[in-house]
Each structure stands twice: as structure tokens, then as C-alpha cells.
Amino acid sequence: MRREYIPPYSEEIRKGAITSGELDQCREDLRIGTEFEVADAVWKKEWGMGTRPTRRGKVMAKYPHVVMLDCGTSITYVQILQQQRSRKNVLD
């Protein structure tokens, strides 16, 4: 009887990891003016009690690791990729 190949645990983790190639592609594809909805910093200080205020911001500057939005917030390329994978509407 043949046994199926079971990959080691580290290979399973690597499949779900964000790679440098994905980050490079995200940097290239992201355009100035792209809109994102982000959780307001006030909500984070409230420990998640009550309603969750959000802000809508457009990309106004791109840096090697961070994206600046016109609403006064910054997000990372990793956060953008995590949002795309989980299909959330709001970035934390």
C-alpha cells in the first residue's frame, strides 16, 4: 500500500506566506489615486467597543514600504495584500 506524500509543516506555512515577488507586483500595480477604506485610529484606542468608524482615503504618495493616504493615515503593502487575500472591505 502506497502512502501519500505529506509535506513538512514548514512547506505548508510557506504556501500561505507573502513573497517578495507579490510585494514587488503590488508596488508596481498600485496607482496614485487608488481608494482604500481604513479603520480610524479612534476605534483602535476604544478597544473595539461600539461602532467602528472608518475613513476613506486616496493614495497620495508611495514609498518603498509604506503608502500615504490623503486622510492622514499610512498603510503598508503587506496590509494591502492581506486585505486582498481575506476580501475585507476595511483595512485595520
N, C-alpha and C. Protein backbone atom coordinates (compact mmCIF):
# COMPACT_ATOMS: atom_id res chain seq x y z
N MET A 1 0.84 -1.17 0.00
CA MET A 1 0.00 0.00 0.00
C MET A 1 0.89 1.24 0.00
N ARG A 2 0.65 2.18 -0.93
CA ARG A 2 1.44 3.40 -1.01
C ARG A 2 0.87 4.46 -0.09
N ARG A 3 1.78 5.21 0.50
CA ARG A 3 1.36 6.31 1.35
C ARG A 3 1.50 7.61 0.58
N GLU A 4 0.56 8.51 0.77
CA GLU A 4 0.64 9.81 0.11
C GLU A 4 1.73 10.65 0.74
N TYR A 5 2.35 11.49 -0.09
CA TYR A 5 3.38 12.38 0.42
C TYR A 5 2.73 13.49 1.23
N ILE A 6 3.17 13.63 2.45
CA ILE A 6 2.68 14.70 3.32
C ILE A 6 3.82 15.69 3.48
N PRO A 7 3.65 16.93 3.00
CA PRO A 7 4.75 17.89 3.10
C PRO A 7 5.03 18.27 4.54
N PRO A 8 6.27 18.63 4.83
CA PRO A 8 6.59 19.08 6.19
C PRO A 8 5.81 20.35 6.53
N TYR A 9 5.72 20.64 7.80
CA TYR A 9 4.95 21.79 8.29
C TYR A 9 5.45 23.09 7.69
N SER A 10 6.75 23.23 7.53
CA SER A 10 7.31 24.49 7.01
C SER A 10 6.86 24.76 5.57
N GLU A 11 6.65 23.74 4.78
CA GLU A 11 6.17 23.94 3.40
C GLU A 11 4.74 24.46 3.40
N GLU A 12 3.93 24.01 4.32
CA GLU A 12 2.55 24.48 4.39
C GLU A 12 2.51 25.95 4.77
N ILE A 13 3.40 26.35 5.66
CA ILE A 13 3.46 27.75 6.05
C ILE A 13 3.92 28.60 4.87
N ARG A 14 4.92 28.11 4.14
CA ARG A 14 5.46 28.86 3.02
C ARG A 14 4.43 29.10 1.93
N LYS A 15 3.49 28.19 1.76
CA LYS A 15 2.47 28.35 0.73
C LYS A 15 1.60 29.58 1.00
N GLY A 16 1.35 29.87 2.26
CA GLY A 16 0.49 30.99 2.62
C GLY A 16 1.24 32.28 2.87
N ALA A 17 2.56 32.27 2.81
CA ALA A 17 3.35 33.45 3.10
C ALA A 17 3.31 34.44 1.94
N ILE A 18 3.44 35.70 2.27
CA ILE A 18 3.54 36.74 1.26
C ILE A 18 4.97 36.80 0.78
N THR A 19 5.17 36.64 -0.49
CA THR A 19 6.52 36.58 -1.04
C THR A 19 6.98 37.97 -1.50
N SER A 20 8.28 38.09 -1.70
CA SER A 20 8.83 39.37 -2.16
C SER A 20 8.34 39.68 -3.57
N GLY A 21 8.10 38.65 -4.37
CA GLY A 21 7.56 38.86 -5.71
C GLY A 21 6.17 39.48 -5.68
N GLU A 22 5.33 39.01 -4.74
CA GLU A 22 4.00 39.58 -4.58
C GLU A 22 4.07 41.04 -4.15
N LEU A 23 5.02 41.34 -3.25
CA LEU A 23 5.19 42.71 -2.80
C LEU A 23 5.62 43.61 -3.95
N ASP A 24 6.57 43.14 -4.75
CA ASP A 24 7.03 43.92 -5.89
C ASP A 24 5.90 44.18 -6.88
N GLN A 25 5.08 43.17 -7.12
CA GLN A 25 3.94 43.31 -8.03
C GLN A 25 2.93 44.31 -7.48
N CYS A 26 2.70 44.27 -6.17
CA CYS A 26 1.77 45.21 -5.53
C CYS A 26 2.29 46.63 -5.66
N ARG A 27 3.59 46.83 -5.45
CA ARG A 27 4.19 48.16 -5.59
C ARG A 27 4.01 48.70 -7.01
N GLU A 28 4.19 47.84 -7.99
CA GLU A 28 4.06 48.27 -9.39
C GLU A 28 2.61 48.55 -9.77
N ASP A 29 1.69 47.71 -9.32
CA ASP A 29 0.29 47.82 -9.72
C ASP A 29 -0.44 48.97 -9.03
N LEU A 30 -0.02 49.33 -7.83
CA LEU A 30 -0.72 50.36 -7.06
C LEU A 30 -0.50 51.72 -7.71
N ARG A 31 -1.58 52.44 -7.94
CA ARG A 31 -1.51 53.74 -8.60
C ARG A 31 -1.92 54.86 -7.63
N ILE A 32 -1.37 56.04 -7.87
CA ILE A 32 -1.79 57.21 -7.12
C ILE A 32 -3.26 57.45 -7.43
N GLY A 33 -4.06 57.69 -6.38
CA GLY A 33 -5.49 57.91 -6.56
C GLY A 33 -6.34 56.69 -6.23
N THR A 34 -5.72 55.53 -6.00
CA THR A 34 -6.46 54.34 -5.62
C THR A 34 -7.09 54.57 -4.24
N GLU A 35 -8.35 54.20 -4.08
CA GLU A 35 -9.05 54.43 -2.81
C GLU A 35 -8.99 53.21 -1.91
N PHE A 36 -8.84 53.48 -0.59
CA PHE A 36 -8.89 52.45 0.44
C PHE A 36 -9.76 52.94 1.57
N GLU A 37 -10.43 52.01 2.24
CA GLU A 37 -11.19 52.34 3.44
C GLU A 37 -10.43 51.76 4.63
N VAL A 38 -10.07 52.63 5.56
CA VAL A 38 -9.24 52.21 6.70
C VAL A 38 -9.99 52.48 8.01
N ALA A 39 -9.71 51.67 9.02
CA ALA A 39 -10.29 51.87 10.34
C ALA A 39 -9.66 53.10 10.96
N ASP A 40 -10.48 53.91 11.59
CA ASP A 40 -9.99 55.13 12.23
C ASP A 40 -9.20 54.78 13.48
N ALA A 41 -8.19 55.58 13.78
CA ALA A 41 -7.34 55.32 14.95
C ALA A 41 -8.13 55.43 16.25
N VAL A 42 -9.21 56.21 16.26
CA VAL A 42 -10.04 56.35 17.46
C VAL A 42 -10.62 55.00 17.86
N TRP A 43 -11.05 54.23 16.86
CA TRP A 43 -11.64 52.92 17.16
C TRP A 43 -10.62 52.00 17.81
N LYS A 44 -9.38 52.07 17.37
CA LYS A 44 -8.34 51.20 17.92
C LYS A 44 -8.08 51.53 19.39
N LYS A 45 -8.21 52.80 19.76
CA LYS A 45 -7.99 53.20 21.15
C LYS A 45 -9.15 52.80 22.05
N GLU A 46 -10.33 52.61 21.46
CA GLU A 46 -11.52 52.24 22.24
C GLU A 46 -11.59 50.74 22.51
N TRP A 47 -10.62 49.99 22.06
CA TRP A 47 -10.59 48.54 22.24
C TRP A 47 -11.76 47.87 21.54
N GLY A 48 -12.25 48.49 20.46
CA GLY A 48 -13.28 47.85 19.65
C GLY A 48 -14.68 47.95 20.20
N MET A 49 -14.93 48.83 21.16
CA MET A 49 -16.28 48.97 21.71
C MET A 49 -17.10 49.90 20.83
N GLY A 50 -18.35 49.58 20.63
CA GLY A 50 -19.23 50.44 19.85
C GLY A 50 -19.07 50.24 18.36
N THR A 51 -19.48 51.26 17.61
CA THR A 51 -19.40 51.18 16.15
C THR A 51 -17.97 51.44 15.70
N ARG A 52 -17.68 50.99 14.53
CA ARG A 52 -16.31 51.08 14.01
C ARG A 52 -16.23 52.21 12.98
N PRO A 53 -15.72 53.38 13.38
CA PRO A 53 -15.61 54.46 12.40
C PRO A 53 -14.52 54.17 11.38
N THR A 54 -14.80 54.49 10.14
CA THR A 54 -13.82 54.26 9.08
C THR A 54 -13.58 55.56 8.32
N ARG A 55 -12.45 55.59 7.64
CA ARG A 55 -12.12 56.71 6.79
C ARG A 55 -11.82 56.19 5.40
N ARG A 56 -12.17 56.99 4.42
CA ARG A 56 -11.87 56.64 3.04
C ARG A 56 -10.75 57.57 2.59
N GLY A 57 -9.69 56.98 2.07
CA GLY A 57 -8.56 57.79 1.64
C GLY A 57 -8.02 57.34 0.30
N LYS A 58 -7.46 58.29 -0.42
CA LYS A 58 -6.83 58.00 -1.71
C LYS A 58 -5.32 58.02 -1.54
N VAL A 59 -4.64 57.17 -2.30
CA VAL A 59 -3.18 57.11 -2.26
C VAL A 59 -2.64 58.43 -2.81
N MET A 60 -1.79 59.09 -2.00
CA MET A 60 -1.20 60.34 -2.49
C MET A 60 0.32 60.24 -2.61
N ALA A 61 0.93 59.23 -1.97
CA ALA A 61 2.38 59.04 -2.09
C ALA A 61 2.72 57.58 -1.86
N LYS A 62 3.71 57.09 -2.60
CA LYS A 62 4.17 55.71 -2.46
C LYS A 62 5.64 55.73 -2.06
N TYR A 63 5.97 54.95 -1.04
CA TYR A 63 7.35 54.81 -0.58
C TYR A 63 7.71 53.33 -0.63
N PRO A 64 8.97 52.96 -0.39
CA PRO A 64 9.37 51.55 -0.53
C PRO A 64 8.55 50.56 0.32
N HIS A 65 8.10 50.97 1.52
CA HIS A 65 7.37 50.04 2.38
C HIS A 65 5.98 50.54 2.78
N VAL A 66 5.73 51.83 2.60
CA VAL A 66 4.52 52.47 3.12
C VAL A 66 3.82 53.26 2.02
N VAL A 67 2.50 53.32 2.14
CA VAL A 67 1.67 54.12 1.24
C VAL A 67 0.98 55.18 2.09
N MET A 68 1.08 56.45 1.70
CA MET A 68 0.43 57.54 2.43
C MET A 68 -0.92 57.84 1.78
N LEU A 69 -1.94 57.99 2.63
CA LEU A 69 -3.28 58.31 2.16
C LEU A 69 -3.60 59.76 2.49
N ASP A 70 -4.51 60.36 1.72
CA ASP A 70 -4.84 61.77 1.93
C ASP A 70 -5.68 62.03 3.18
N CYS A 71 -6.16 60.98 3.83
CA CYS A 71 -6.94 61.15 5.07
C CYS A 71 -6.03 61.20 6.30
N GLY A 72 -4.71 61.20 6.09
CA GLY A 72 -3.77 61.32 7.20
C GLY A 72 -3.31 59.99 7.75
N THR A 73 -3.57 58.92 7.07
CA THR A 73 -3.20 57.58 7.52
C THR A 73 -2.18 56.98 6.56
N SER A 74 -1.39 56.05 7.07
CA SER A 74 -0.47 55.31 6.20
C SER A 74 -0.76 53.83 6.34
N ILE A 75 -0.55 53.09 5.26
CA ILE A 75 -0.72 51.64 5.27
C ILE A 75 0.49 51.02 4.58
N THR A 76 0.72 49.76 4.86
CA THR A 76 1.85 49.07 4.24
C THR A 76 1.35 48.21 3.09
N TYR A 77 2.27 47.82 2.23
CA TYR A 77 1.92 46.94 1.12
C TYR A 77 1.46 45.58 1.63
N VAL A 78 2.02 45.15 2.75
CA VAL A 78 1.61 43.87 3.35
C VAL A 78 0.15 43.93 3.78
N GLN A 79 -0.27 45.05 4.37
CA GLN A 79 -1.67 45.21 4.76
C GLN A 79 -2.59 45.16 3.54
N ILE A 80 -2.15 45.76 2.44
CA ILE A 80 -2.95 45.74 1.22
C ILE A 80 -3.10 44.31 0.71
N LEU A 81 -2.01 43.54 0.71
CA LEU A 81 -2.08 42.15 0.25
C LEU A 81 -2.94 41.31 1.18
N GLN A 82 -2.83 41.55 2.50
CA GLN A 82 -3.67 40.81 3.45
C GLN A 82 -5.14 41.12 3.22
N GLN A 83 -5.46 42.38 2.94
CA GLN A 83 -6.85 42.74 2.67
C GLN A 83 -7.35 42.04 1.41
N GLN A 84 -6.52 42.00 0.38
CA GLN A 84 -6.92 41.35 -0.87
C GLN A 84 -7.14 39.86 -0.67
N ARG A 85 -6.33 39.23 0.14
CA ARG A 85 -6.48 37.79 0.39
C ARG A 85 -7.72 37.47 1.20
N SER A 86 -8.01 38.29 2.21
CA SER A 86 -9.14 38.00 3.08
C SER A 86 -10.44 38.59 2.55
N ARG A 87 -10.35 39.42 1.54
CA ARG A 87 -11.51 40.08 0.91
C ARG A 87 -12.27 40.95 1.89
N LYS A 88 -11.55 41.58 2.82
CA LYS A 88 -12.18 42.53 3.74
C LYS A 88 -12.43 43.84 3.02
N ASN A 89 -13.38 44.60 3.52
CA ASN A 89 -13.65 45.91 2.95
C ASN A 89 -12.80 47.00 3.61
N VAL A 90 -12.40 46.77 4.87
CA VAL A 90 -11.72 47.79 5.65
C VAL A 90 -10.35 47.29 6.07
N LEU A 91 -9.35 48.15 5.96
CA LEU A 91 -8.01 47.83 6.45
C LEU A 91 -7.93 48.19 7.92
N ASP A 92 -7.34 47.33 8.74
CA ASP A 92 -7.17 47.62 10.17
C ASP A 92 -5.93 48.43 10.40
